[in-house]
Amino acid sequence: MDTSTELTIRTDRNNRETLISVHGRVTIDTSPELRERLLAILQGGNVSRLTISLEDVPYIDCSGLATLVEALRIARKRSLELELSGLHDRVLYLLEVTGLLSLFQQQGRKHLRSARVTQ
């Protein structure tokens, strides 16, 4: 397998909280795998808080951003907490310049390393 398109997703659960750790580039080729995992967790009904760690994501494209926005939309609809953590470099910059970072911020507070939304 070409390592430039390899994506690893690890899921850790603790009671009703779930941590998804994403490792690798999130692109049009790899975002469907992330989307599938996120939707399964969000629609599963036994989670109240989901944290998506992007600490080991060096690159994300528009399909990856769309996946995160879809997860946020579903989380809000189900009154779940969704948090992005480990934002840095290119990923943080892309979220900022697209205006999407503010969607993931709680009550207008800016977090450089993590962004959180609760409803």
Protein backbone atom coordinates (compact mmCIF):
# COMPACT_ATOMS: atom_id res chain seq x y z
CA MET A 1 0.00 0.00 0.00
CA ASP A 2 1.19 3.52 -0.77
CA THR A 3 2.00 5.12 2.57
CA SER A 4 1.05 8.57 1.28
CA THR A 5 -2.61 7.48 1.19
CA GLU A 6 -2.58 5.30 4.30
CA LEU A 7 -4.86 6.39 7.13
CA THR A 8 -4.97 4.84 10.57
CA ILE A 9 -7.92 5.46 12.86
CA ARG A 10 -7.85 4.32 16.48
CA THR A 11 -10.93 4.39 18.70
CA ASP A 12 -10.74 4.53 22.50
CA ARG A 13 -13.91 4.48 24.62
CA ASN A 14 -14.41 5.38 28.25
CA ASN A 15 -18.02 5.16 29.39
CA ARG A 16 -19.95 7.53 27.09
CA GLU A 17 -16.85 9.38 25.85
CA THR A 18 -15.02 8.35 22.70
CA LEU A 19 -11.64 9.43 21.37
CA ILE A 20 -10.87 8.98 17.68
CA SER A 21 -7.15 9.34 16.93
CA VAL A 22 -6.45 9.92 13.25
CA HIS A 23 -2.98 9.27 11.81
CA GLY A 24 -2.07 10.19 8.24
CA ARG A 25 -3.32 12.38 5.44
CA VAL A 26 -7.08 12.95 5.23
CA THR A 27 -7.81 13.25 1.52
CA ILE A 28 -10.50 12.41 -1.00
CA ASP A 29 -9.07 8.87 -1.01
CA THR A 30 -9.04 8.39 2.77
CA SER A 31 -11.88 10.56 4.09
CA PRO A 32 -14.61 7.95 3.33
CA GLU A 33 -13.00 5.63 5.90
CA LEU A 34 -12.98 8.43 8.50
CA ARG A 35 -16.56 9.39 7.62
CA GLU A 36 -17.75 5.81 8.03
CA ARG A 37 -16.13 5.52 11.47
CA LEU A 38 -17.46 8.88 12.67
CA LEU A 39 -21.01 8.19 11.48
CA ALA A 40 -21.03 4.77 13.15
CA ILE A 41 -20.05 6.32 16.47
CA LEU A 42 -22.36 9.34 16.24
CA GLN A 43 -25.36 7.32 15.14
CA GLY A 44 -24.68 4.47 17.55
CA GLY A 45 -26.49 6.24 20.35
CA ASN A 46 -24.18 5.34 23.23
CA VAL A 47 -21.83 8.31 23.18
CA SER A 48 -22.27 11.75 24.73
CA ARG A 49 -18.87 13.20 23.82
CA LEU A 50 -16.62 12.59 20.84
CA THR A 51 -13.08 13.93 20.56
CA ILE A 52 -11.32 13.76 17.21
CA SER A 53 -7.55 13.99 17.61
CA LEU A 54 -5.86 15.41 14.52
CA GLU A 55 -2.43 15.65 16.15
CA ASP A 56 -0.93 13.16 13.68
CA VAL A 57 -2.66 14.57 10.60
CA PRO A 58 -0.15 16.53 8.50
CA TYR A 59 -2.62 17.33 5.72
CA ILE A 60 -6.36 17.54 5.20
CA ASP A 61 -8.19 18.47 1.99
CA CYS A 62 -11.72 19.75 1.35
CA SER A 63 -13.23 16.26 1.52
CA GLY A 64 -11.72 15.83 4.98
CA LEU A 65 -13.12 19.19 6.04
CA ALA A 66 -16.53 18.18 4.71
CA THR A 67 -16.33 15.00 6.80
CA LEU A 68 -15.63 17.02 9.96
CA VAL A 69 -18.47 19.44 9.22
CA GLU A 70 -20.87 16.55 8.63
CA ALA A 71 -19.82 15.00 11.96
CA LEU A 72 -20.39 18.36 13.66
CA ARG A 73 -23.84 18.70 12.09
CA ILE A 74 -24.86 15.24 13.30
CA ALA A 75 -23.42 15.87 16.78
CA ARG A 76 -25.38 19.10 17.11
CA LYS A 77 -28.56 17.45 15.88
CA ARG A 78 -28.16 14.73 18.52
CA SER A 79 -27.07 17.20 21.26
CA LEU A 80 -23.65 15.57 21.58
CA GLU A 81 -20.34 17.23 22.39
CA LEU A 82 -17.78 17.16 19.58
CA GLU A 83 -14.21 18.32 20.09
CA LEU A 84 -11.27 18.63 17.73
CA SER A 85 -7.89 18.29 19.40
CA GLY A 86 -4.28 18.45 18.33
CA LEU A 87 -4.84 21.12 15.70
CA HIS A 88 -1.57 22.45 14.29
CA ASP A 89 0.21 23.81 11.24
CA ARG A 90 -1.60 23.22 7.97
CA VAL A 91 -4.74 21.72 9.45
CA LEU A 92 -5.25 24.63 11.84
CA TYR A 93 -4.46 27.14 9.09
CA LEU A 94 -6.95 25.55 6.70
CA LEU A 95 -9.71 25.56 9.33
CA GLU A 96 -8.95 29.22 10.07
CA VAL A 97 -8.86 30.52 6.47
CA THR A 98 -12.02 28.65 5.50
CA GLY A 99 -13.85 30.08 8.51
CA LEU A 100 -14.67 26.59 9.76
CA LEU A 101 -12.64 26.86 12.95
CA SER A 102 -15.26 29.15 14.46
CA LEU A 103 -17.89 26.43 13.98
CA PHE A 104 -15.88 24.16 16.25
CA GLN A 105 -15.28 26.78 18.95
CA GLN A 106 -17.28 26.95 22.13
CA GLN A 107 -18.95 30.28 22.88
CA GLY A 108 -16.51 32.22 20.69
CA ARG A 109 -13.42 31.26 22.69
CA LYS A 110 -10.41 30.59 20.51
CA HIS A 111 -8.34 27.49 21.22
CA LEU A 112 -5.13 27.05 19.24
CA ARG A 113 -4.56 23.41 20.12
CA SER A 114 -8.18 22.32 20.35
CA ALA A 115 -11.57 23.53 19.33
CA ARG A 116 -14.76 22.42 21.00
CA VAL A 117 -18.44 22.75 20.48
CA THR A 118 -21.18 21.81 22.88
CA GLN A 119 -24.88 22.27 22.57
